[in-house]
N, C-alpha and C. Protein backbone atom coordinates (compact mmCIF):
# COMPACT_ATOMS: atom_id res chain seq x y z
N MET A 1 -13.60 -36.79 68.49
CA MET A 1 -12.80 -37.15 68.75
C MET A 1 -13.12 -37.87 70.25
N VAL A 2 -11.80 -38.96 70.48
CA VAL A 2 -11.90 -39.69 71.71
C VAL A 2 -10.70 -39.69 72.49
N PHE A 3 -10.83 -39.29 73.61
CA PHE A 3 -9.83 -38.96 74.69
C PHE A 3 -9.65 -40.66 75.12
N SER A 4 -8.13 -40.81 74.79
CA SER A 4 -7.98 -42.34 75.26
C SER A 4 -6.53 -41.94 75.84
N GLY A 5 -5.97 -42.64 76.85
CA GLY A 5 -5.13 -42.53 77.91
C GLY A 5 -4.42 -41.62 77.75
N GLY A 6 -5.27 -40.13 77.69
CA GLY A 6 -4.72 -38.92 77.39
C GLY A 6 -4.02 -38.25 76.21
N SER A 7 -4.05 -38.62 74.58
CA SER A 7 -3.71 -38.60 73.84
C SER A 7 -5.24 -38.64 73.11
N LEU A 8 -4.48 -37.19 71.68
CA LEU A 8 -6.09 -37.31 70.82
C LEU A 8 -5.51 -38.10 69.73
N LYS A 9 -7.06 -38.37 69.36
CA LYS A 9 -6.50 -39.45 68.11
C LYS A 9 -7.88 -39.13 67.54
N ARG A 10 -7.83 -39.92 66.49
CA ARG A 10 -8.86 -38.95 65.29
C ARG A 10 -9.52 -40.71 65.30
N THR A 11 -11.10 -40.28 64.89
CA THR A 11 -11.73 -42.32 64.91
C THR A 11 -12.41 -41.77 63.72
N LYS A 12 -12.30 -42.95 63.11
CA LYS A 12 -13.29 -43.90 61.77
C LYS A 12 -14.23 -43.29 62.23
N ILE A 13 -15.30 -42.37 61.13
CA ILE A 13 -16.64 -42.63 61.28
C ILE A 13 -17.09 -43.50 60.83
N ASP A 14 -16.59 -43.41 59.27
CA ASP A 14 -18.15 -44.05 58.02
C ASP A 14 -17.26 -45.32 58.27
N GLU A 15 -18.29 -46.23 57.01
CA GLU A 15 -17.88 -47.78 57.65
C GLU A 15 -16.82 -47.93 56.41
N HIS A 16 -16.39 -47.16 55.83
CA HIS A 16 -15.01 -47.65 54.66
C HIS A 16 -13.49 -46.95 55.09
N GLY A 17 -14.11 -46.96 55.96
CA GLY A 17 -12.63 -46.50 56.74
C GLY A 17 -12.14 -44.84 56.96
N GLY A 18 -12.93 -43.59 56.55
CA GLY A 18 -12.86 -42.28 56.01
C GLY A 18 -13.12 -41.77 57.28
N TYR A 19 -11.83 -40.87 57.28
CA TYR A 19 -12.93 -39.49 58.38
C TYR A 19 -13.79 -38.95 58.19
N SER A 20 -14.14 -38.32 59.21
CA SER A 20 -15.48 -37.45 59.41
C SER A 20 -15.30 -35.97 57.80
N SER A 21 -16.50 -35.56 57.96
CA SER A 21 -16.12 -34.24 56.66
C SER A 21 -15.74 -33.52 57.30
N SER A 22 -15.95 -33.74 59.03
CA SER A 22 -15.49 -32.30 59.38
C SER A 22 -13.66 -32.11 59.79
N SER A 23 -13.27 -33.10 59.94
CA SER A 23 -12.21 -33.15 59.99
C SER A 23 -11.00 -33.31 58.65
N ASN A 24 -11.71 -33.21 57.10
CA ASN A 24 -11.30 -33.49 56.49
C ASN A 24 -12.07 -32.56 55.44
N PRO A 25 -12.00 -31.48 55.61
CA PRO A 25 -13.30 -30.67 54.60
C PRO A 25 -12.83 -30.71 53.22
N GLU A 26 -11.54 -31.58 52.67
CA GLU A 26 -11.12 -31.74 50.91
C GLU A 26 -12.28 -33.02 50.57
N MET A 27 -12.20 -33.61 51.55
CA MET A 27 -13.04 -34.50 50.82
C MET A 27 -14.59 -34.40 50.61
N GLN A 28 -15.42 -34.58 50.18
CA GLN A 28 -16.78 -34.33 50.25
C GLN A 28 -17.88 -36.05 50.42
N SER A 29 -18.30 -36.74 50.51
CA SER A 29 -18.95 -37.35 51.29
C SER A 29 -19.97 -38.52 50.30
N ASN A 30 -20.15 -38.67 48.96
CA ASN A 30 -21.56 -39.45 48.48
C ASN A 30 -21.89 -40.52 48.70
N GLY A 31 -22.20 -40.75 50.27
CA GLY A 31 -22.57 -42.19 50.77
C GLY A 31 -21.37 -43.38 50.63
N GLY A 32 -20.40 -43.43 50.30
CA GLY A 32 -19.22 -43.82 50.89
C GLY A 32 -18.45 -44.10 49.80
N GLU A 33 -19.02 -44.57 48.71
CA GLU A 33 -18.38 -45.14 46.95
C GLU A 33 -16.97 -44.58 47.38
N HIS A 34 -17.90 -43.54 46.20
CA HIS A 34 -16.50 -42.24 45.43
C HIS A 34 -16.66 -41.22 46.38
N ASP A 35 -14.93 -40.73 46.76
CA ASP A 35 -15.33 -39.38 47.68
C ASP A 35 -14.74 -38.57 46.35
N GLU A 36 -15.08 -37.17 46.24
CA GLU A 36 -14.98 -36.84 45.18
C GLU A 36 -13.83 -35.25 46.52
N PRO A 37 -13.32 -34.44 45.60
CA PRO A 37 -12.83 -33.40 46.73
C PRO A 37 -13.48 -32.30 45.77
N LEU A 38 -14.02 -31.51 47.18
CA LEU A 38 -14.29 -29.88 46.95
C LEU A 38 -14.13 -28.85 45.81
N VAL A 39 -14.59 -28.21 45.27
CA VAL A 39 -14.13 -27.36 44.53
C VAL A 39 -13.85 -26.00 45.41
N ARG A 40 -12.29 -25.65 45.36
CA ARG A 40 -12.16 -24.45 46.20
C ARG A 40 -11.95 -23.48 45.37
N PRO A 41 -12.32 -22.08 45.93
CA PRO A 41 -11.85 -20.90 44.83
C PRO A 41 -9.99 -21.23 44.75
N PRO A 42 -9.73 -19.98 43.71
CA PRO A 42 -8.92 -20.05 43.97
C PRO A 42 -7.83 -19.11 44.87
N GLY A 43 -6.63 -19.54 45.25
CA GLY A 43 -5.77 -18.72 46.29
C GLY A 43 -5.32 -17.22 45.90
N ILE A 44 -5.18 -15.89 46.46
CA ILE A 44 -4.54 -14.92 46.07
C ILE A 44 -3.65 -14.63 44.96
N LYS A 45 -2.61 -15.68 44.98
CA LYS A 45 -1.68 -15.28 43.89
C LYS A 45 -2.09 -15.88 42.74
N ALA A 46 -2.99 -17.03 43.18
CA ALA A 46 -3.57 -18.06 41.50
C ALA A 46 -3.79 -16.84 41.23
N ALA A 47 -4.91 -16.30 41.64
CA ALA A 47 -5.60 -15.40 41.31
C ALA A 47 -5.31 -14.06 40.47
N LYS A 48 -4.03 -13.89 40.86
CA LYS A 48 -3.26 -12.34 40.79
C LYS A 48 -2.81 -12.56 39.26
N ARG A 49 -2.00 -14.10 39.55
CA ARG A 49 -1.56 -14.40 38.18
C ARG A 49 -2.56 -14.86 36.84
N LYS A 50 -3.11 -15.26 37.13
CA LYS A 50 -4.39 -15.56 36.60
C LYS A 50 -4.44 -14.12 35.49
N GLY A 51 -4.97 -13.16 36.33
CA GLY A 51 -5.51 -11.69 36.06
C GLY A 51 -4.44 -11.46 35.35
N LYS A 52 -3.30 -11.78 35.76
CA LYS A 52 -2.11 -10.70 34.59
C LYS A 52 -1.75 -11.55 33.66
N GLY A 53 -2.15 -12.95 33.47
CA GLY A 53 -2.56 -13.39 32.00
C GLY A 53 -3.20 -12.48 31.03
N VAL A 54 -4.13 -12.07 31.72
CA VAL A 54 -4.72 -11.80 30.94
C VAL A 54 -4.62 -10.65 30.11
N ALA A 55 -4.14 -9.38 31.29
CA ALA A 55 -3.76 -8.70 30.43
C ALA A 55 -2.79 -8.80 29.52
N LYS A 56 -1.22 -9.93 30.09
CA LYS A 56 -0.14 -10.39 28.92
C LYS A 56 -0.64 -10.68 27.57
N GLY A 57 -2.44 -11.25 27.31
CA GLY A 57 -2.71 -11.53 26.26
C GLY A 57 -3.12 -10.36 25.47
N LEU A 58 -3.65 -9.59 26.58
CA LEU A 58 -4.58 -8.11 25.62
C LEU A 58 -3.15 -7.58 25.05
N THR A 59 -1.86 -7.31 25.83
CA THR A 59 -0.82 -6.44 25.68
C THR A 59 -0.02 -7.87 24.41
N ASP A 60 -0.71 -8.64 23.85
CA ASP A 60 -0.03 -9.27 22.67
C ASP A 60 -0.97 -8.85 21.86
N GLU A 61 -2.14 -8.84 21.71
CA GLU A 61 -3.09 -8.44 21.02
C GLU A 61 -2.74 -6.94 20.42
N ILE A 62 -2.82 -5.94 20.74
CA ILE A 62 -2.15 -5.32 20.89
C ILE A 62 -0.98 -4.62 20.41
N SER A 63 -0.02 -5.37 20.27
CA SER A 63 1.34 -5.38 20.12
C SER A 63 1.03 -5.80 18.40
N ARG A 64 0.46 -6.85 18.13
CA ARG A 64 -0.12 -7.24 17.20
C ARG A 64 -1.01 -6.77 15.94
N GLU A 65 -1.75 -5.92 16.59
CA GLU A 65 -2.35 -4.95 15.87
C GLU A 65 -1.52 -3.71 15.37
N ILE A 66 -0.88 -2.94 16.27
CA ILE A 66 0.35 -2.02 16.02
C ILE A 66 1.66 -2.55 14.74
N SER A 67 2.05 -3.84 15.24
CA SER A 67 2.66 -4.51 14.21
C SER A 67 1.73 -4.74 12.03
N GLU A 68 0.48 -4.79 12.27
CA GLU A 68 0.23 -5.06 11.58
C GLU A 68 -0.25 -3.27 10.73
N ILE A 69 -0.51 -2.40 11.61
CA ILE A 69 -0.51 -1.12 11.25
C ILE A 69 0.81 -0.39 10.81
N LYS A 70 1.83 -1.31 10.93
CA LYS A 70 3.34 -0.75 10.49
C LYS A 70 3.12 -1.17 9.02
N LYS A 71 2.72 -2.54 9.57
CA LYS A 71 3.32 -3.25 7.59
C LYS A 71 2.05 -2.21 6.66
N SER A 72 1.11 -1.78 7.60
CA SER A 72 0.48 -1.32 6.05
C SER A 72 0.66 0.37 5.96
N ASP A 73 1.15 0.82 7.10
CA ASP A 73 1.80 2.23 6.71
C ASP A 73 3.03 1.88 6.26
N ALA A 74 4.36 0.48 5.86
CA ALA A 74 4.89 0.74 5.29
C ALA A 74 4.40 0.73 3.28
N GLU A 75 3.72 -0.48 3.64
CA GLU A 75 2.79 -0.13 2.34
C GLU A 75 2.44 0.89 1.73
N GLN A 76 1.95 1.32 2.43
CA GLN A 76 1.49 2.63 1.74
C GLN A 76 2.40 3.74 1.39
N MET A 77 3.86 3.78 2.36
CA MET A 77 5.35 4.89 2.00
C MET A 77 5.68 4.20 0.96
N ASN A 78 5.50 2.82 0.51
CA ASN A 78 6.39 2.13 -0.94
C ASN A 78 5.34 2.81 -2.29
N MET A 79 4.17 2.62 -1.71
CA MET A 79 2.67 3.21 -2.68
C MET A 79 3.40 4.15 -3.17
N MET A 80 3.30 5.56 -2.03
CA MET A 80 3.53 6.34 -2.55
C MET A 80 4.91 6.91 -3.19
N GLN A 81 5.99 5.88 -2.83
CA GLN A 81 6.96 6.27 -3.45
C GLN A 81 7.11 5.93 -4.53
N GLN A 82 6.05 5.21 -5.03
CA GLN A 82 6.05 4.14 -6.58
C GLN A 82 5.45 5.70 -7.27
N TYR A 83 4.11 5.87 -6.43
CA TYR A 83 3.56 7.10 -7.37
C TYR A 83 4.18 8.32 -7.86
N LEU A 84 5.58 8.79 -6.54
CA LEU A 84 6.07 9.85 -6.83
C LEU A 84 7.43 9.34 -7.81
N ARG A 85 7.53 8.73 -8.19
CA ARG A 85 8.48 7.78 -8.86
C ARG A 85 8.09 7.94 -10.64
N LEU A 86 6.69 7.41 -10.53
CA LEU A 86 5.84 7.75 -11.86
C LEU A 86 5.65 9.09 -12.25
N LYS A 87 5.47 9.79 -11.19
CA LYS A 87 4.79 11.20 -11.16
C LYS A 87 5.98 11.83 -11.96
N GLU A 88 7.09 11.69 -11.58
CA GLU A 88 8.61 12.19 -11.97
C GLU A 88 8.42 11.68 -12.88
N LYS A 89 8.63 10.88 -13.88
CA LYS A 89 9.25 9.72 -15.19
C LYS A 89 8.30 10.88 -16.19
N GLU A 90 6.59 10.95 -15.44
CA GLU A 90 5.61 11.47 -16.61
C GLU A 90 5.61 13.38 -16.84
N LEU A 91 6.70 13.89 -15.56
CA LEU A 91 7.07 14.84 -15.79
C LEU A 91 8.40 15.24 -16.60
N GLU A 92 9.15 14.44 -16.71
CA GLU A 92 10.30 14.09 -17.90
C GLU A 92 10.31 13.53 -18.92
N VAL A 93 8.54 13.01 -19.05
CA VAL A 93 8.26 12.69 -20.78
C VAL A 93 7.71 14.20 -21.16
N LYS A 94 6.93 14.93 -20.08
CA LYS A 94 6.19 15.99 -20.60
C LYS A 94 7.11 16.97 -21.09
N LEU A 95 8.12 17.19 -20.40
CA LEU A 95 9.13 18.01 -20.77
C LEU A 95 10.09 18.31 -21.98
N GLU A 96 10.20 16.16 -22.20
CA GLU A 96 10.75 15.98 -23.61
C GLU A 96 10.06 16.11 -24.44
N LYS A 97 8.73 16.05 -24.61
CA LYS A 97 7.70 16.63 -25.22
C LYS A 97 8.15 17.95 -25.44
N GLU A 98 7.64 18.75 -25.10
CA GLU A 98 7.91 20.51 -25.00
C GLU A 98 9.06 20.79 -25.62
N ARG A 99 10.85 20.21 -24.53
CA ARG A 99 11.74 20.88 -26.00
C ARG A 99 11.66 20.51 -27.68
N THR A 100 11.11 18.56 -27.63
CA THR A 100 10.98 18.93 -29.06
C THR A 100 10.49 19.61 -30.01
N LYS A 101 9.11 19.84 -29.23
CA LYS A 101 8.32 20.93 -30.22
C LYS A 101 8.84 22.14 -30.24
N LYS A 102 9.96 22.52 -29.18
CA LYS A 102 10.62 24.07 -29.29
C LYS A 102 11.36 23.62 -30.65
N TYR A 103 11.82 22.38 -30.57
CA TYR A 103 13.22 22.22 -31.47
C TYR A 103 12.38 22.36 -32.94
N ASN A 104 11.42 21.30 -33.44
CA ASN A 104 11.08 20.86 -34.81
C ASN A 104 10.38 22.87 -34.81
N LEU A 105 10.08 23.85 -34.00
CA LEU A 105 9.94 25.10 -34.44
C LEU A 105 10.81 26.02 -34.96
N LEU A 106 12.15 25.81 -33.92
CA LEU A 106 13.39 26.17 -34.18
C LEU A 106 13.62 25.97 -35.48
N ILE A 107 13.78 25.00 -36.14
CA ILE A 107 13.98 24.27 -37.78
C ILE A 107 13.45 25.21 -38.26
N GLN A 108 12.41 24.68 -37.96
CA GLN A 108 11.18 25.80 -39.52
C GLN A 108 11.75 26.77 -39.45
N LEU A 109 11.66 27.66 -37.82
CA LEU A 109 12.01 28.88 -38.32
C LEU A 109 13.79 28.85 -39.17
N ILE A 110 14.30 28.43 -39.11
CA ILE A 110 15.85 28.95 -39.62
C ILE A 110 15.85 28.18 -41.05
N SER A 111 15.08 27.09 -41.04
CA SER A 111 14.92 26.77 -43.01
C SER A 111 14.32 28.33 -43.79
N ARG A 112 13.41 28.74 -43.12
CA ARG A 112 12.53 29.55 -43.80
C ARG A 112 13.67 31.04 -44.29
N ASP A 113 13.23 31.89 -45.36
CA ASP A 113 14.03 32.40 -46.34
C ASP A 113 14.15 34.02 -45.86
N SER A 114 13.22 33.98 -45.62
CA SER A 114 12.59 36.42 -44.84
C SER A 114 11.41 35.39 -43.45
N LEU A 115 12.35 36.16 -42.44
CA LEU A 115 11.73 36.46 -41.17
C LEU A 115 10.64 37.13 -40.60
N SER A 116 9.72 37.70 -40.22
CA SER A 116 9.37 39.01 -39.80
C SER A 116 10.37 39.25 -38.64
N GLU A 117 10.00 40.33 -38.20
CA GLU A 117 10.69 40.93 -36.61
C GLU A 117 10.45 39.83 -35.52
N THR A 118 9.19 39.36 -35.29
CA THR A 118 8.72 38.69 -34.23
C THR A 118 9.20 37.49 -34.41
N GLU A 119 9.52 36.53 -35.60
CA GLU A 119 9.73 35.26 -36.05
C GLU A 119 11.06 35.31 -35.59
N GLN A 120 11.96 36.31 -35.90
CA GLN A 120 13.24 36.55 -35.85
C GLN A 120 13.69 36.56 -34.15
N LEU A 121 12.45 37.19 -33.44
CA LEU A 121 12.80 37.23 -31.92
C LEU A 121 12.74 36.23 -31.38
N LEU A 122 11.60 35.16 -31.91
CA LEU A 122 11.30 33.89 -31.25
C LEU A 122 12.58 33.14 -31.61
N ARG A 123 12.79 32.82 -33.04
CA ARG A 123 14.06 32.17 -33.24
C ARG A 123 15.19 32.16 -31.80
N ASP A 124 15.50 33.65 -31.94
CA ASP A 124 16.65 33.98 -30.74
C ASP A 124 16.34 33.83 -29.72
N LYS A 125 15.76 33.86 -29.30
CA LYS A 125 15.08 33.09 -28.16
C LYS A 125 15.68 31.66 -27.59
N LEU A 126 14.68 31.13 -29.06
CA LEU A 126 14.80 29.93 -28.81
C LEU A 126 15.56 29.19 -29.46
N GLN A 127 16.64 29.71 -29.52
CA GLN A 127 17.83 29.10 -29.55
C GLN A 127 18.66 29.70 -28.09
N LEU A 128 18.18 30.27 -27.64
CA LEU A 128 19.41 30.51 -26.07
C LEU A 128 18.28 29.34 -25.33
N GLU A 129 17.27 29.46 -25.40
CA GLU A 129 16.77 28.55 -24.00
C GLU A 129 16.90 26.68 -25.04
N LEU A 130 17.53 26.37 -26.02
CA LEU A 130 17.64 25.29 -26.57
C LEU A 130 19.44 24.99 -26.69
N PHE A 131 20.14 26.05 -26.62
CA PHE A 131 21.52 25.59 -26.96
C PHE A 131 22.49 26.82 -25.91
N GLY A 132 22.08 27.30 -25.27
CA GLY A 132 22.12 28.76 -25.02
C GLY A 132 23.72 29.61 -25.14
N SER A 133 23.37 29.68 -26.87
CA SER A 133 23.77 30.74 -27.23
C SER A 133 22.81 31.56 -28.27
């Protein structure tokens, strides 16, 4: 700096009219033709925002995984409900087959002329079971 007449003025140092590097630290001189700005580290607030962005990305990823798990749980629940419906139908068919067998046996016992004591007891039991009378 040069004092001239009691005022402070900066003087241009390089031949292209630029100020000295100490007076403008953001500019770096490459021999005079093309000046490039210096790369500075981010400020505190910018660094914090960037850090929170990473956490937000992780949160999004976790929430995506949770929704996929919920979808798979819903699919598994749906499959289990279908399995239970099939098992119920299977049981109904099995019970109907047993009822048909008992009904056919009862018809055979009723169509006979003479029955032994055990056959009469079986006939009576089947009538109670099938018809309730």
